[in-house]
Amino acid sequence: MSSHVAADSTPQISRDVVRFVFHSVWEDFYDWEATHCQSAIKSLGLSLYAPHASDVITLPRTRSRNRHRTNIIPAPPKPLFPATDQSNISCLDYTQEDYPVAARPVVEVINVPKMSAPPVYESVTPATRSIHHGDDDDSMAFVPYADEPTFDALDHTLNYGSFSWQDKFCDPDIELIVMETALRLESQHQVSFFDIDETGLLPLKLLPRPGNNGLAHKIRHRDLPNSPTLHFLAKFHSRPVKLPGLSDLQSRLESVVSIFCPSLNCLQPYCAVHIDALPMSQPAIPQVLNRNMIARCKRPCGDKCFVIPPTLSDDTMQWSETEIETFRTILNLTPDLIPCDLSTICRKPCREVFAQRRVLLSDDMIVMLGNQKARRPLQRAMKFDDLDPNDFTPNNPCSHAGPCDHRAQCSCYLNKTHCERSCRCSMKCSRRWRGCQCARNKLDATCGTERCPCRKANRECDPDICTKCKAKDAFSDICQNASLQQGRRKGLKVKESQWGLGTFLTGDVKAGDLLAEYTGELIYEPTTESREDVVKYRDRNYVFGLNTTVSIDSSYAGNETRFINHVPRPKANSCPQVWLVNGEHRIGIFATRDLQAGTEVTFDYGPQFFTGADGAANMD
């Protein structure tokens, strides 16, 4: 009974402490803020007066170390721009050595004739790649065209749940007070952030939760006022961020994977297209026995290669615990890499690397893991619905243990799509796309016709598996089915055309050449519908349906392709096409015939664009 009482009284004591510290910080901060704000407002006051020559009194020079110093006491100032004569402007000339001299330059007044209004134009944020936007905020930031009677602004507001100016305001001062309270509790009362969040007393959460990184993370990305009441917060803010240690390879890899986009379309941190980070790969199951490693080595990598028998003069192997743990992490990811390559990664002699592999992965262990390895996939007919880009939406790369089937809840299996290169499943997975085996010939360009299985499936060649067509070589121009991922766009220029602004070629192109990629914001269907009111009112639509879920809207971000004008299909000289590029849908604008420099680029918007059924142009 006593144990239950003690367990219940501890949270109550913590809650009382949290209340007391929070109110103390609150009172201390706002007592300081009143004086600080008064001082800051006074410092913003500027004088619009300057002394004239007749207003300056020069006193005799004083004896000081600076022989050229002169004391100047200005008389009561006069307005810099007298109301009676605005053409007579006074200024002070500081070119003299001793003291400034007032000057009255003569200003010539020029009457500028009335200028005509500039032509109406539009500008957008330039974007070489599409930017993931998702859905617009449910809180409406402003009402567009609210002062124009022809626009039904009231009906447009029904697409949103609230107005942002009526939402609860998050006072930034509260962030400072809450964080200072938490740090005082942690330092002076040994109350953890987790326990503080559990009390539910503070208005903001400190630790991360779904959809929010937490105040402890957010506070590092804002500035702090120079307040003595925020002593603990100032120390926390200046504390360096804790990074994984150099010896902790696993944590370093997890940190890199969390921010680095592995898609071949990006290969950069903090990608603006793919917002979902991939988890770490599952530990790979070794397949190659140690006694079979020698057969995989084509030639020795050096005098200390593992294929060369050791001599009596070889030094004894000495590895630290950190080096062994690092090597263990590498073997979890690539257990079958030959020791020659592993020695380059570990910076250790090849013979020592092979010896360590035999210790960490003995042949008996490899056989045992092979017998216990992932279950075999069910022998069922595989169905794929990703051959037509208009009929499916690409899923996130799969990551799970075992084969890609319904038992693992594989996202590729459930979406009936092929596994892509970014998937965490085995490279021998039966659902993986096998690529093409196209070879260069004298008659046709490589992968230039539908004889290429990749091109027939409306997907660009994969540089990892389409090796014969040289899809990996961006400079050879051999593979004709890798234009989007290699950025083989043509020069375009936006200028006046007979339909307003248009897009023109700056060089000659051939039929089938990629002119450019259509870029913009990647938005979902609800946002496409909510923006339709503004689209119809402006009579300009920049939305293209990418697939069954996502559309591209270049109203606010895009490139030159957003200015391409409509011409019916028989006369249009280009066409948009949706391609699956390394697991991602992208839209390319391709020339339908040979074109010369200076030609305006046009394509058929499609009948759906003009009917306005859902605000998205037809990509057929």
Foldseek 3Di string as FASTA:
>chain_A
DVVVVVVVVVLVVVLVLLVVLLVVLVVQVVVVVVVVVVVVVVVPDDDQWDAAQVQKDWDDDDDDPDRQETDIDGHPTDGQQDPVHNQFGKDWAPPDRRDTGIDTDGHDDDDDDDDDDDDDDDDFAADQAFFADAFDALAAADQPPPVPVVFPSVVLNVLHDYHPVPDDDDDVVLLLSVVLSQLCCCPPVVQHLVSVVVSVPRPFRAPDDPPGRHSLVVVLVDDDDPDPSSVSVVVSNPDDDDDDDPLCVVRVVQVCQQFADPFLLGRGGNDRHDDHGDGDFFFDQDDDALVCLLVVDPDAPDPQALNDDDDPPDDDDDDDPSLLVVLVVVCRHPVNDRLSVVCVVSVHRSNSSSVSSCVVCPRVNSVVCVVVAADDDDPDDQAADQLAQAAAAFDDAFHFGHAPDVVGPTPCRVRSHAHFPPHSDDPPHPRHDQFFAWADDDPDQTQPDVVGVQVSSQAATDCVRHPRQNLVDLPVCRHLRNCQSSVVAFDWDWDQDPVGIFIFGQFKDFAFGWHGWWYAYKYFQSNLQSCLSVCVVVVAAQWADQYPTIIGGHSHYTDRVSRAEEDPAVPAQWAWDWGQYRRHTTITIGGRGIDGGGDTHYYHQAPCCVVSPRRHTYRD
